[in-house]
């Protein structure tokens, strides 16, 4: 395969963009420098690097507000929105840093090679500047507009994600425990920002549910790459163990939900608590279907985002909301 670097001048300033070029049609082989990236294209690349679609995960911040029935309190809602923005900016900064560390591995991945840094649309110095700006805005917003507990939780989130990017994502089992914890930290952050105490029931439920989803993520990645996961601690023989642990964790979250429905705390918040039992079969169906689709490789490698795009998941969420309204 004949390959060479080509360069094309451009009147518009921007980062230089190495792209896959194959001169004889045999396939992509090297990254060629085709000149500066136009300003509009660079702006799009910057936005893509921030992964705004991932901000949907931070909607977990509003879970404590909803379950405490205080979502319509203006002060509480404002605190939740502030926490959401701070977490979103912080998460984007971490994603940029993570992409900078993973450039080599991402270029070998069938989908991740299209990310702005792996594809050469953005340079490493640009990434460093973007991450610094996003983190500064996130921490500044937290310091000036949030509670001390929320600031501590946000710093914990930064510490965990940094440790994950540097090392923990390469450690089998530990990596999914960290991912599950990061989802749970968002719930804790919402409670801290709004001054709502998170119950042990919610913490236990969230930890097991998100542990199951974290295993879905690794399981799908393992199947999608035929058992080869560069930079991860898993091999092809691990998919059975992932399936077993992941499904068990998911069903444990349903057990915790059932125990909560039967607890004395429910009667303090709901006039018809027996109706909440209907959420258990809905969650059982959703978790079982998620794992069934994962085994068929029909799930995106981020199960939370997959759920946000899945019509059946939307119906399950609407059913759960309807049940909560009946129970009020």
C-alpha atoms as a PDB file:
ATOM      1  CA  UNK A   1       0.000   0.000   0.000  1.00  0.00           C
ATOM      2  CA  UNK A   2       1.525   3.291  -1.124  1.00  0.00           C
ATOM      3  CA  UNK A   3       1.209   6.002   1.462  1.00  0.00           C
ATOM      4  CA  UNK A   4       2.734   9.411   1.963  1.00  0.00           C
ATOM      5  CA  UNK A   5       2.078  12.648   3.829  1.00  0.00           C
ATOM      6  CA  UNK A   6       0.308  15.343   1.881  1.00  0.00           C
ATOM      7  CA  UNK A   7      -0.066  18.972   2.826  1.00  0.00           C
ATOM      8  CA  UNK A   8      -2.493  21.573   1.582  1.00  0.00           C
ATOM      9  CA  UNK A   9      -2.231  25.249   2.548  1.00  0.00           C
ATOM     10  CA  UNK A  10      -5.284  27.050   3.876  1.00  0.00           C
ATOM     11  CA  UNK A  11      -5.949  30.756   4.388  1.00  0.00           C
ATOM     12  CA  UNK A  12      -7.796  30.013   7.631  1.00  0.00           C
ATOM     13  CA  UNK A  13      -5.786  29.510  10.772  1.00  0.00           C
ATOM     14  CA  UNK A  14      -6.382  26.528  13.029  1.00  0.00           C
ATOM     15  CA  UNK A  15      -4.928  23.272  14.229  1.00  0.00           C
ATOM     16  CA  UNK A  16      -3.249  21.103  11.643  1.00  0.00           C
ATOM     17  CA  UNK A  17      -5.284  18.041  10.884  1.00  0.00           C
ATOM     18  CA  UNK A  18      -3.719  14.649  10.200  1.00  0.00           C
ATOM     19  CA  UNK A  19      -6.216  12.391   8.491  1.00  0.00           C
ATOM     20  CA  UNK A  20      -6.148   8.815   7.197  1.00  0.00           C
ATOM     21  CA  UNK A  21      -4.990   8.839   3.570  1.00  0.00           C
ATOM     22  CA  UNK A  22      -4.558   5.846   1.264  1.00  0.00           C
ATOM     23  CA  UNK A  23      -3.110   6.710  -2.132  1.00  0.00           C
ATOM     24  CA  UNK A  24      -3.636   3.369  -3.830  1.00  0.00           C
ATOM     25  CA  UNK A  25      -7.065   2.446  -2.417  1.00  0.00           C
ATOM     26  CA  UNK A  26      -5.884  -0.541  -0.405  1.00  0.00           C
ATOM     27  CA  UNK A  27      -6.945   0.853   2.964  1.00  0.00           C
ATOM     28  CA  UNK A  28      -6.125   3.449   5.593  1.00  0.00           C
ATOM     29  CA  UNK A  29      -2.558   3.281   6.758  1.00  0.00           C
ATOM     30  CA  UNK A  30      -1.108   6.494   8.169  1.00  0.00           C
ATOM     31  CA  UNK A  31      -2.244   9.911   9.285  1.00  0.00           C
ATOM     32  CA  UNK A  32      -1.433  12.563   6.707  1.00  0.00           C
ATOM     33  CA  UNK A  33      -1.246  16.286   7.411  1.00  0.00           C
ATOM     34  CA  UNK A  34      -3.703  18.101   5.160  1.00  0.00           C
ATOM     35  CA  UNK A  35      -3.202  21.568   6.609  1.00  0.00           C
ATOM     36  CA  UNK A  36      -4.969  23.882   9.061  1.00  0.00           C
ATOM     37  CA  UNK A  37      -8.529  23.189  10.156  1.00  0.00           C
ATOM     38  CA  UNK A  38     -11.027  25.965   9.270  1.00  0.00           C
ATOM     39  CA  UNK A  39     -12.371  27.918  12.238  1.00  0.00           C
ATOM     40  CA  UNK A  40     -15.950  26.604  11.996  1.00  0.00           C
ATOM     41  CA  UNK A  41     -14.753  23.037  11.712  1.00  0.00           C
ATOM     42  CA  UNK A  42     -12.447  23.556  14.669  1.00  0.00           C
ATOM     43  CA  UNK A  43     -15.329  24.931  16.741  1.00  0.00           C
ATOM     44  CA  UNK A  44     -17.355  21.837  15.937  1.00  0.00           C
ATOM     45  CA  UNK A  45     -14.407  19.649  16.876  1.00  0.00           C
ATOM     46  CA  UNK A  46     -14.071  21.481  20.197  1.00  0.00           C
ATOM     47  CA  UNK A  47     -17.754  20.935  20.943  1.00  0.00           C
ATOM     48  CA  UNK A  48     -17.472  17.273  19.948  1.00  0.00           C
ATOM     49  CA  UNK A  49     -14.454  16.843  22.241  1.00  0.00           C
ATOM     50  CA  UNK A  50     -16.553  18.189  25.129  1.00  0.00           C
ATOM     51  CA  UNK A  51     -19.129  15.436  24.461  1.00  0.00           C
ATOM     52  CA  UNK A  52     -22.230  17.448  25.412  1.00  0.00           C
ATOM     53  CA  UNK A  53     -24.383  14.364  24.797  1.00  0.00           C
ATOM     54  CA  UNK A  54     -22.718  12.855  27.877  1.00  0.00           C
ATOM     55  CA  UNK A  55     -24.189  15.632  30.006  1.00  0.00           C
ATOM     56  CA  UNK A  56     -27.413  13.652  30.006  1.00  0.00           C
ATOM     57  CA  UNK A  57     -25.829  11.408  32.650  1.00  0.00           C
ATOM     58  CA  UNK A  58     -25.790  14.378  34.995  1.00  0.00           C
ATOM     59  CA  UNK A  59     -29.583  14.369  35.060  1.00  0.00           C
ATOM     60  CA  UNK A  60     -29.003  11.884  37.897  1.00  0.00           C
ATOM     61  CA  UNK A  61     -28.374  14.995  39.989  1.00  0.00           C
ATOM     62  CA  UNK A  62     -32.119  15.649  39.966  1.00  0.00           C
ATOM     63  CA  UNK A  63     -33.049  12.190  41.289  1.00  0.00           C
ATOM     64  CA  UNK A  64     -32.938  13.252  44.973  1.00  0.00           C
ATOM     65  CA  UNK A  65     -35.015  16.335  44.136  1.00  0.00           C
ATOM     66  CA  UNK A  66     -37.691  14.212  42.489  1.00  0.00           C
ATOM     67  CA  UNK A  67     -37.789  11.458  45.104  1.00  0.00           C
ATOM     68  CA  UNK A  68     -37.972  13.983  47.957  1.00  0.00           C
ATOM     69  CA  UNK A  69     -40.886  15.713  46.151  1.00  0.00           C
ATOM     70  CA  UNK A  70     -39.024  19.049  46.180  1.00  0.00           C
ATOM     71  CA  UNK A  71     -38.300  19.386  42.473  1.00  0.00           C
ATOM     72  CA  UNK A  72     -40.744  22.313  42.146  1.00  0.00           C
ATOM     73  CA  UNK A  73     -39.200  24.319  44.992  1.00  0.00           C
ATOM     74  CA  UNK A  74     -37.520  27.258  43.145  1.00  0.00           C
ATOM     75  CA  UNK A  75     -34.480  27.420  45.449  1.00  0.00           C
ATOM     76  CA  UNK A  76     -33.971  23.654  45.358  1.00  0.00           C
ATOM     77  CA  UNK A  77     -34.397  23.533  41.588  1.00  0.00           C
ATOM     78  CA  UNK A  78     -31.914  26.402  41.114  1.00  0.00           C
ATOM     79  CA  UNK A  79     -29.380  24.537  43.240  1.00  0.00           C
ATOM     80  CA  UNK A  80     -29.906  21.418  41.134  1.00  0.00           C
ATOM     81  CA  UNK A  81     -29.405  23.327  37.891  1.00  0.00           C
ATOM     82  CA  UNK A  82     -26.189  24.874  39.237  1.00  0.00           C
ATOM     83  CA  UNK A  83     -24.916  21.443  40.211  1.00  0.00           C
ATOM     84  CA  UNK A  84     -25.851  20.080  36.784  1.00  0.00           C
ATOM     85  CA  UNK A  85     -23.870  22.788  34.966  1.00  0.00           C
ATOM     86  CA  UNK A  86     -20.853  22.397  37.257  1.00  0.00           C
ATOM     87  CA  UNK A  87     -20.811  18.613  36.840  1.00  0.00           C
ATOM     88  CA  UNK A  88     -21.245  18.917  33.060  1.00  0.00           C
ATOM     89  CA  UNK A  89     -18.309  21.318  32.657  1.00  0.00           C
ATOM     90  CA  UNK A  90     -16.189  19.171  34.957  1.00  0.00           C
ATOM     91  CA  UNK A  91     -17.101  15.991  33.084  1.00  0.00           C
ATOM     92  CA  UNK A  92     -16.216  17.590  29.747  1.00  0.00           C
ATOM     93  CA  UNK A  93     -12.797  18.577  31.095  1.00  0.00           C
ATOM     94  CA  UNK A  94     -12.197  14.992  32.244  1.00  0.00           C
ATOM     95  CA  UNK A  95     -13.311  13.586  28.874  1.00  0.00           C
ATOM     96  CA  UNK A  96     -10.813  15.840  27.093  1.00  0.00           C
ATOM     97  CA  UNK A  97      -7.983  14.775  29.412  1.00  0.00           C
ATOM     98  CA  UNK A  98      -8.961  11.128  28.999  1.00  0.00           C
ATOM     99  CA  UNK A  99      -8.942  11.466  25.205  1.00  0.00           C
ATOM    100  CA  UNK A 100      -5.485  13.023  25.329  1.00  0.00           C
ATOM    101  CA  UNK A 101      -4.155  10.040  27.262  1.00  0.00           C
ATOM    102  CA  UNK A 102      -5.924   7.572  24.962  1.00  0.00           C
ATOM    103  CA  UNK A 103      -4.926   8.945  21.556  1.00  0.00           C
ATOM    104  CA  UNK A 104      -2.864   5.890  20.601  1.00  0.00           C
ATOM    105  CA  UNK A 105      -5.453   3.374  21.809  1.00  0.00           C
ATOM    106  CA  UNK A 106      -8.346   5.305  20.235  1.00  0.00           C
ATOM    107  CA  UNK A 107      -6.669   5.269  16.819  1.00  0.00           C
ATOM    108  CA  UNK A 108      -6.780   1.464  16.945  1.00  0.00           C
ATOM    109  CA  UNK A 109     -10.483   1.434  17.861  1.00  0.00           C
ATOM    110  CA  UNK A 110     -13.064   1.145  15.026  1.00  0.00           C
ATOM    111  CA  UNK A 111     -15.254   3.963  16.395  1.00  0.00           C
ATOM    112  CA  UNK A 112     -13.087   5.951  18.808  1.00  0.00           C
ATOM    113  CA  UNK A 113     -10.567   6.705  16.037  1.00  0.00           C
ATOM    114  CA  UNK A 114     -13.037   9.358  14.861  1.00  0.00           C
ATOM    115  CA  UNK A 115     -12.702  11.383  18.070  1.00  0.00           C
ATOM    116  CA  UNK A 116     -11.206  14.850  17.455  1.00  0.00           C
ATOM    117  CA  UNK A 117      -7.793  14.198  19.010  1.00  0.00           C
ATOM    118  CA  UNK A 118      -7.379  10.688  17.624  1.00  0.00           C
ATOM    119  CA  UNK A 119      -8.443  11.900  14.174  1.00  0.00           C
ATOM    120  CA  UNK A 120      -6.059  14.842  14.356  1.00  0.00           C
ATOM    121  CA  UNK A 121      -8.745  17.518  14.175  1.00  0.00           C
ATOM    122  CA  UNK A 122      -7.439  19.059  17.413  1.00  0.00           C
ATOM    123  CA  UNK A 123      -3.897  19.281  18.732  1.00  0.00           C
ATOM    124  CA  UNK A 124      -2.693  18.235  22.171  1.00  0.00           C
ATOM    125  CA  UNK A 125      -1.981  21.854  23.281  1.00  0.00           C
ATOM    126  CA  UNK A 126      -5.518  22.824  22.287  1.00  0.00           C
ATOM    127  CA  UNK A 127      -6.848  19.956  24.368  1.00  0.00           C
ATOM    128  CA  UNK A 128      -4.837  20.996  27.409  1.00  0.00           C
ATOM    129  CA  UNK A 129      -6.131  24.566  27.147  1.00  0.00           C
ATOM    130  CA  UNK A 130      -9.727  23.406  26.675  1.00  0.00           C
ATOM    131  CA  UNK A 131      -9.587  21.071  29.679  1.00  0.00           C
ATOM    132  CA  UNK A 132      -8.077  23.793  31.881  1.00  0.00           C
ATOM    133  CA  UNK A 133     -10.759  26.316  30.878  1.00  0.00           C
ATOM    134  CA  UNK A 134     -13.626  23.892  31.479  1.00  0.00           C
ATOM    135  CA  UNK A 135     -12.298  22.787  34.861  1.00  0.00           C
ATOM    136  CA  UNK A 136     -11.754  26.378  35.959  1.00  0.00           C
ATOM    137  CA  UNK A 137     -15.355  27.285  35.100  1.00  0.00           C
ATOM    138  CA  UNK A 138     -16.714  24.187  36.842  1.00  0.00           C
ATOM    139  CA  UNK A 139     -14.800  24.719  40.074  1.00  0.00           C
ATOM    140  CA  UNK A 140     -15.475  28.462  40.016  1.00  0.00           C
ATOM    141  CA  UNK A 141     -19.213  27.867  39.712  1.00  0.00           C
ATOM    142  CA  UNK A 142     -19.104  25.334  42.542  1.00  0.00           C
ATOM    143  CA  UNK A 143     -17.151  27.631  44.841  1.00  0.00           C
ATOM    144  CA  UNK A 144     -19.333  30.707  44.323  1.00  0.00           C
ATOM    145  CA  UNK A 145     -22.769  29.148  43.917  1.00  0.00           C
ATOM    146  CA  UNK A 146     -22.876  25.813  45.734  1.00  0.00           C
ATOM    147  CA  UNK A 147     -22.599  24.327  49.227  1.00  0.00           C
ATOM    148  CA  UNK A 148     -19.407  23.115  50.881  1.00  0.00           C
ATOM    149  CA  UNK A 149     -20.592  19.504  50.720  1.00  0.00           C
ATOM    150  CA  UNK A 150     -21.192  19.810  46.994  1.00  0.00           C
ATOM    151  CA  UNK A 151     -17.696  21.237  46.479  1.00  0.00           C
ATOM    152  CA  UNK A 152     -16.202  18.263  48.330  1.00  0.00           C
ATOM    153  CA  UNK A 153     -18.247  15.846  46.217  1.00  0.00           C
ATOM    154  CA  UNK A 154     -17.168  17.585  43.016  1.00  0.00           C
ATOM    155  CA  UNK A 155     -13.516  17.352  44.069  1.00  0.00           C
ATOM    156  CA  UNK A 156     -14.084  13.658  44.848  1.00  0.00           C
ATOM    157  CA  UNK A 157     -15.511  13.214  41.364  1.00  0.00           C
ATOM    158  CA  UNK A 158     -12.450  14.905  39.832  1.00  0.00           C
ATOM    159  CA  UNK A 159     -10.084  12.761  41.911  1.00  0.00           C
ATOM    160  CA  UNK A 160     -11.855   9.525  40.983  1.00  0.00           C
ATOM    161  CA  UNK A 161     -12.071  10.316  37.290  1.00  0.00           C
ATOM    162  CA  UNK A 162      -8.402  11.380  37.222  1.00  0.00           C
ATOM    163  CA  UNK A 163      -7.359   8.160  38.946  1.00  0.00           C
ATOM    164  CA  UNK A 164      -9.555   6.234  36.517  1.00  0.00           C
ATOM    165  CA  UNK A 165      -7.950   7.892  33.500  1.00  0.00           C
ATOM    166  CA  UNK A 166      -4.408   7.407  34.770  1.00  0.00           C
ATOM    167  CA  UNK A 167      -4.578   3.861  36.082  1.00  0.00           C
ATOM    168  CA  UNK A 168      -7.805   2.362  37.403  1.00  0.00           C
ATOM    169  CA  UNK A 169      -9.430   1.788  33.998  1.00  0.00           C
ATOM    170  CA  UNK A 170      -6.720  -0.801  33.337  1.00  0.00           C
ATOM    171  CA  UNK A 171      -7.616  -2.832  36.445  1.00  0.00           C
ATOM    172  CA  UNK A 172     -10.262  -5.517  35.926  1.00  0.00           C
ATOM    173  CA  UNK A 173     -13.298  -5.297  38.248  1.00  0.00           C
ATOM    174  CA  UNK A 174     -11.917  -2.208  39.965  1.00  0.00           C
ATOM    175  CA  UNK A 175     -12.655  -0.185  36.839  1.00  0.00           C
ATOM    176  CA  UNK A 176     -16.380  -1.025  36.863  1.00  0.00           C
ATOM    177  CA  UNK A 177     -16.597  -0.365  40.601  1.00  0.00           C
ATOM    178  CA  UNK A 178     -15.196   3.112  39.961  1.00  0.00           C
ATOM    179  CA  UNK A 179     -17.660   3.689  37.103  1.00  0.00           C
ATOM    180  CA  UNK A 180     -20.571   2.653  39.336  1.00  0.00           C
ATOM    181  CA  UNK A 181     -19.292   4.949  42.074  1.00  0.00           C
ATOM    182  CA  UNK A 182     -19.049   7.878  39.651  1.00  0.00           C
ATOM    183  CA  UNK A 183     -22.722   7.465  38.732  1.00  0.00           C
ATOM    184  CA  UNK A 184     -23.637   7.322  42.426  1.00  0.00           C
ATOM    185  CA  UNK A 185     -21.541  10.429  43.135  1.00  0.00           C
ATOM    186  CA  UNK A 186     -23.799  12.374  40.788  1.00  0.00           C
ATOM    187  CA  UNK A 187     -26.805  11.411  42.914  1.00  0.00           C
ATOM    188  CA  UNK A 188     -24.917  12.441  46.050  1.00  0.00           C
ATOM    189  CA  UNK A 189     -23.990  15.718  44.385  1.00  0.00           C
ATOM    190  CA  UNK A 190     -27.615  16.545  43.681  1.00  0.00           C
ATOM    191  CA  UNK A 191     -28.543  15.925  47.290  1.00  0.00           C
ATOM    192  CA  UNK A 192     -25.621  17.980  48.606  1.00  0.00           C
ATOM    193  CA  UNK A 193     -26.355  20.923  46.316  1.00  0.00           C
ATOM    194  CA  UNK A 194     -30.029  21.022  47.291  1.00  0.00           C
ATOM    195  CA  UNK A 195     -29.524  20.266  50.985  1.00  0.00           C
ATOM    196  CA  UNK A 196     -31.320  16.908  50.740  1.00  0.00           C
ATOM    197  CA  UNK A 197     -30.140  13.934  52.797  1.00  0.00           C
ATOM    198  CA  UNK A 198     -29.651  10.843  50.635  1.00  0.00           C
ATOM    199  CA  UNK A 199     -31.154   7.736  52.218  1.00  0.00           C
ATOM    200  CA  UNK A 200     -29.216   4.484  52.544  1.00  0.00           C
ATOM    201  CA  UNK A 201     -31.921   2.870  50.425  1.00  0.00           C
ATOM    202  CA  UNK A 202     -31.200   5.164  47.492  1.00  0.00           C
ATOM    203  CA  UNK A 203     -27.436   4.754  47.877  1.00  0.00           C
ATOM    204  CA  UNK A 204     -27.653   0.967  47.878  1.00  0.00           C
ATOM    205  CA  UNK A 205     -30.084   0.906  44.978  1.00  0.00           C
ATOM    206  CA  UNK A 206     -27.937   3.270  42.904  1.00  0.00           C
ATOM    207  CA  UNK A 207     -24.694   1.416  43.578  1.00  0.00           C
ATOM    208  CA  UNK A 208     -26.015  -1.987  42.481  1.00  0.00           C
ATOM    209  CA  UNK A 209     -27.936  -0.635  39.489  1.00  0.00           C
ATOM    210  CA  UNK A 210     -24.965   1.346  38.195  1.00  0.00           C
ATOM    211  CA  UNK A 211     -22.609  -1.559  38.844  1.00  0.00           C
ATOM    212  CA  UNK A 212     -24.799  -3.632  36.535  1.00  0.00           C
ATOM    213  CA  UNK A 213     -24.724  -0.906  33.866  1.00  0.00           C
ATOM    214  CA  UNK A 214     -20.936  -0.550  34.215  1.00  0.00           C
ATOM    215  CA  UNK A 215     -20.584  -4.266  33.522  1.00  0.00           C
ATOM    216  CA  UNK A 216     -22.903  -3.870  30.519  1.00  0.00           C
ATOM    217  CA  UNK A 217     -20.466  -1.263  29.188  1.00  0.00           C
ATOM    218  CA  UNK A 218     -17.431  -3.547  29.528  1.00  0.00           C
ATOM    219  CA  UNK A 219     -19.376  -6.584  28.287  1.00  0.00           C
ATOM    220  CA  UNK A 220     -20.446  -4.818  25.099  1.00  0.00           C
ATOM    221  CA  UNK A 221     -16.940  -3.491  24.513  1.00  0.00           C
ATOM    222  CA  UNK A 222     -15.472  -6.973  24.948  1.00  0.00           C
ATOM    223  CA  UNK A 223     -17.926  -8.565  22.512  1.00  0.00           C
ATOM    224  CA  UNK A 224     -17.542  -5.746  20.009  1.00  0.00           C
ATOM    225  CA  UNK A 225     -13.760  -6.089  19.853  1.00  0.00           C
ATOM    226  CA  UNK A 226     -13.725  -9.901  19.673  1.00  0.00           C
ATOM    227  CA  UNK A 227     -12.211 -10.225  23.129  1.00  0.00           C
ATOM    228  CA  UNK A 228      -9.373  -7.761  22.488  1.00  0.00           C
ATOM    229  CA  UNK A 229      -9.461  -4.678  24.689  1.00  0.00           C
ATOM    230  CA  UNK A 230      -6.179  -2.733  24.470  1.00  0.00           C
ATOM    231  CA  UNK A 231      -5.413  -0.916  27.695  1.00  0.00           C
ATOM    232  CA  UNK A 232      -8.026  -2.838  29.701  1.00  0.00           C
ATOM    233  CA  UNK A 233      -7.669  -5.777  32.075  1.00  0.00           C
ATOM    234  CA  UNK A 234     -10.049  -8.161  30.297  1.00  0.00           C
ATOM    235  CA  UNK A 235      -9.771 -10.969  27.768  1.00  0.00           C
ATOM    236  CA  UNK A 236     -12.227 -13.021  25.704  1.00  0.00           C
ATOM    237  CA  UNK A 237     -12.709 -15.633  28.448  1.00  0.00           C
ATOM    238  CA  UNK A 238     -14.113 -13.012  30.846  1.00  0.00           C
ATOM    239  CA  UNK A 239     -17.446 -12.388  29.153  1.00  0.00           C
ATOM    240  CA  UNK A 240     -19.192 -15.142  31.122  1.00  0.00           C
ATOM    241  CA  UNK A 241     -18.032 -13.725  34.452  1.00  0.00           C
ATOM    242  CA  UNK A 242     -19.125 -10.235  33.381  1.00  0.00           C
ATOM    243  CA  UNK A 243     -22.569 -11.542  32.470  1.00  0.00           C
ATOM    244  CA  UNK A 244     -22.957 -13.323  35.808  1.00  0.00           C
ATOM    245  CA  UNK A 245     -21.812 -10.442  38.018  1.00  0.00           C
ATOM    246  CA  UNK A 246     -23.608  -7.779  35.977  1.00  0.00           C
ATOM    247  CA  UNK A 247     -27.004  -9.468  35.962  1.00  0.00           C
ATOM    248  CA  UNK A 248     -26.730 -10.335  39.656  1.00  0.00           C
ATOM    249  CA  UNK A 249     -25.947  -6.712  40.532  1.00  0.00           C
ATOM    250  CA  UNK A 250     -28.936  -5.540  38.498  1.00  0.00           C
ATOM    251  CA  UNK A 251     -31.331  -7.915  40.225  1.00  0.00           C
ATOM    252  CA  UNK A 252     -29.890  -6.931  43.619  1.00  0.00           C
ATOM    253  CA  UNK A 253     -31.014  -3.361  42.915  1.00  0.00           C
ATOM    254  CA  UNK A 254     -34.562  -4.691  42.417  1.00  0.00           C
ATOM    255  CA  UNK A 255     -34.352  -6.526  45.764  1.00  0.00           C
ATOM    256  CA  UNK A 256     -33.301  -3.289  47.474  1.00  0.00           C
ATOM    257  CA  UNK A 257     -36.194  -1.467  45.805  1.00  0.00           C
ATOM    258  CA  UNK A 258     -38.622  -4.134  47.034  1.00  0.00           C
ATOM    259  CA  UNK A 259     -37.282  -3.868  50.589  1.00  0.00           C
ATOM    260  CA  UNK A 260     -37.625  -0.090  50.438  1.00  0.00           C
ATOM    261  CA  UNK A 261     -41.231  -0.318  49.267  1.00  0.00           C
ATOM    262  CA  UNK A 262     -41.945  -2.481  52.324  1.00  0.00           C
ATOM    263  CA  UNK A 263     -40.165  -0.111  54.743  1.00  0.00           C
ATOM    264  CA  UNK A 264     -41.667   2.402  57.138  1.00  0.00           C
ATOM    265  CA  UNK A 265     -39.991   5.318  55.347  1.00  0.00           C
ATOM    266  CA  UNK A 266     -42.252   4.938  52.327  1.00  0.00           C
ATOM    267  CA  UNK A 267     -45.381   5.726  54.303  1.00  0.00           C
ATOM    268  CA  UNK A 268     -43.926   9.152  55.151  1.00  0.00           C
ATOM    269  CA  UNK A 269     -43.715  10.148  51.482  1.00  0.00           C
ATOM    270  CA  UNK A 270     -46.569   8.285  49.781  1.00  0.00           C
ATOM    271  CA  UNK A 271     -50.270   7.958  50.587  1.00  0.00           C
ATOM    272  CA  UNK A 272     -50.595   4.769  48.531  1.00  0.00           C
ATOM    273  CA  UNK A 273     -47.192   3.045  48.957  1.00  0.00           C
ATOM    274  CA  UNK A 274     -48.438  -0.397  47.845  1.00  0.00           C
ATOM    275  CA  UNK A 275     -48.640   0.937  44.291  1.00  0.00           C
ATOM    276  CA  UNK A 276     -44.836   1.241  44.284  1.00  0.00           C
ATOM    277  CA  UNK A 277     -44.583  -2.548  44.081  1.00  0.00           C
ATOM    278  CA  UNK A 278     -45.416  -2.168  40.391  1.00  0.00           C
ATOM    279  CA  UNK A 279     -42.029  -0.514  39.828  1.00  0.00           C
ATOM    280  CA  UNK A 280     -40.297  -3.824  40.613  1.00  0.00           C
ATOM    281  CA  UNK A 281     -41.525  -5.773  37.541  1.00  0.00           C
ATOM    282  CA  UNK A 282     -40.865  -2.715  35.366  1.00  0.00           C
ATOM    283  CA  UNK A 283     -37.253  -2.565  36.555  1.00  0.00           C
ATOM    284  CA  UNK A 284     -36.853  -6.347  36.264  1.00  0.00           C
ATOM    285  CA  UNK A 285     -38.006  -6.167  32.660  1.00  0.00           C
ATOM    286  CA  UNK A 286     -35.738  -3.221  31.835  1.00  0.00           C
ATOM    287  CA  UNK A 287     -32.594  -4.790  33.341  1.00  0.00           C
ATOM    288  CA  UNK A 288     -33.272  -8.176  31.747  1.00  0.00           C
ATOM    289  CA  UNK A 289     -33.890  -6.598  28.358  1.00  0.00           C
ATOM    290  CA  UNK A 290     -30.734  -4.488  28.648  1.00  0.00           C
ATOM    291  CA  UNK A 291     -28.609  -7.586  29.188  1.00  0.00           C
ATOM    292  CA  UNK A 292     -30.422  -9.514  26.457  1.00  0.00           C
ATOM    293  CA  UNK A 293     -29.694  -6.709  23.981  1.00  0.00           C
ATOM    294  CA  UNK A 294     -26.106  -6.485  25.220  1.00  0.00           C
ATOM    295  CA  UNK A 295     -25.579 -10.168  24.437  1.00  0.00           C
ATOM    296  CA  UNK A 296     -26.930  -9.546  20.946  1.00  0.00           C
ATOM    297  CA  UNK A 297     -24.567  -6.551  20.592  1.00  0.00           C
ATOM    298  CA  UNK A 298     -27.513  -4.200  20.184  1.00  0.00           C
ATOM    299  CA  UNK A 299     -26.459  -1.865  23.009  1.00  0.00           C
ATOM    300  CA  UNK A 300     -24.224   1.165  22.584  1.00  0.00           C
ATOM    301  CA  UNK A 301     -21.030   0.829  24.629  1.00  0.00           C
ATOM    302  CA  UNK A 302     -22.460   3.448  26.983  1.00  0.00           C
ATOM    303  CA  UNK A 303     -25.651   1.880  28.383  1.00  0.00           C
ATOM    304  CA  UNK A 304     -26.883   5.102  30.024  1.00  0.00           C
ATOM    305  CA  UNK A 305     -26.830   6.947  26.714  1.00  0.00           C
ATOM    306  CA  UNK A 306     -28.322   3.893  25.041  1.00  0.00           C
ATOM    307  CA  UNK A 307     -31.230   4.005  27.492  1.00  0.00           C
ATOM    308  CA  UNK A 308     -31.789   7.689  26.741  1.00  0.00           C
ATOM    309  CA  UNK A 309     -32.150   6.851  23.042  1.00  0.00           C
ATOM    310  CA  UNK A 310     -34.111   3.609  23.399  1.00  0.00           C
ATOM    311  CA  UNK A 311     -37.912   3.964  22.922  1.00  0.00           C
ATOM    312  CA  UNK A 312     -38.652   0.966  25.134  1.00  0.00           C
ATOM    313  CA  UNK A 313     -36.578   2.480  27.937  1.00  0.00           C
ATOM    314  CA  UNK A 314     -38.623   5.657  27.530  1.00  0.00           C
ATOM    315  CA  UNK A 315     -41.825   3.650  27.988  1.00  0.00           C
ATOM    316  CA  UNK A 316     -40.419   1.983  31.101  1.00  0.00           C
ATOM    317  CA  UNK A 317     -39.499   5.407  32.510  1.00  0.00           C
ATOM    318  CA  UNK A 318     -42.991   6.741  31.778  1.00  0.00           C
ATOM    319  CA  UNK A 319     -44.516   3.690  33.473  1.00  0.00           C
ATOM    320  CA  UNK A 320     -42.356   4.303  36.556  1.00  0.00           C
ATOM    321  CA  UNK A 321     -43.383   7.968  36.669  1.00  0.00           C
ATOM    322  CA  UNK A 322     -47.050   6.997  36.351  1.00  0.00           C
ATOM    323  CA  UNK A 323     -46.673   4.533  39.231  1.00  0.00           C
ATOM    324  CA  UNK A 324     -45.042   7.214  41.406  1.00  0.00           C
ATOM    325  CA  UNK A 325     -47.913   9.601  40.684  1.00  0.00           C
ATOM    326  CA  UNK A 326     -50.474   6.949  41.627  1.00  0.00           C
ATOM    327  CA  UNK A 327     -48.560   6.267  44.843  1.00  0.00           C
ATOM    328  CA  UNK A 328     -48.486   9.942  45.928  1.00  0.00           C
END
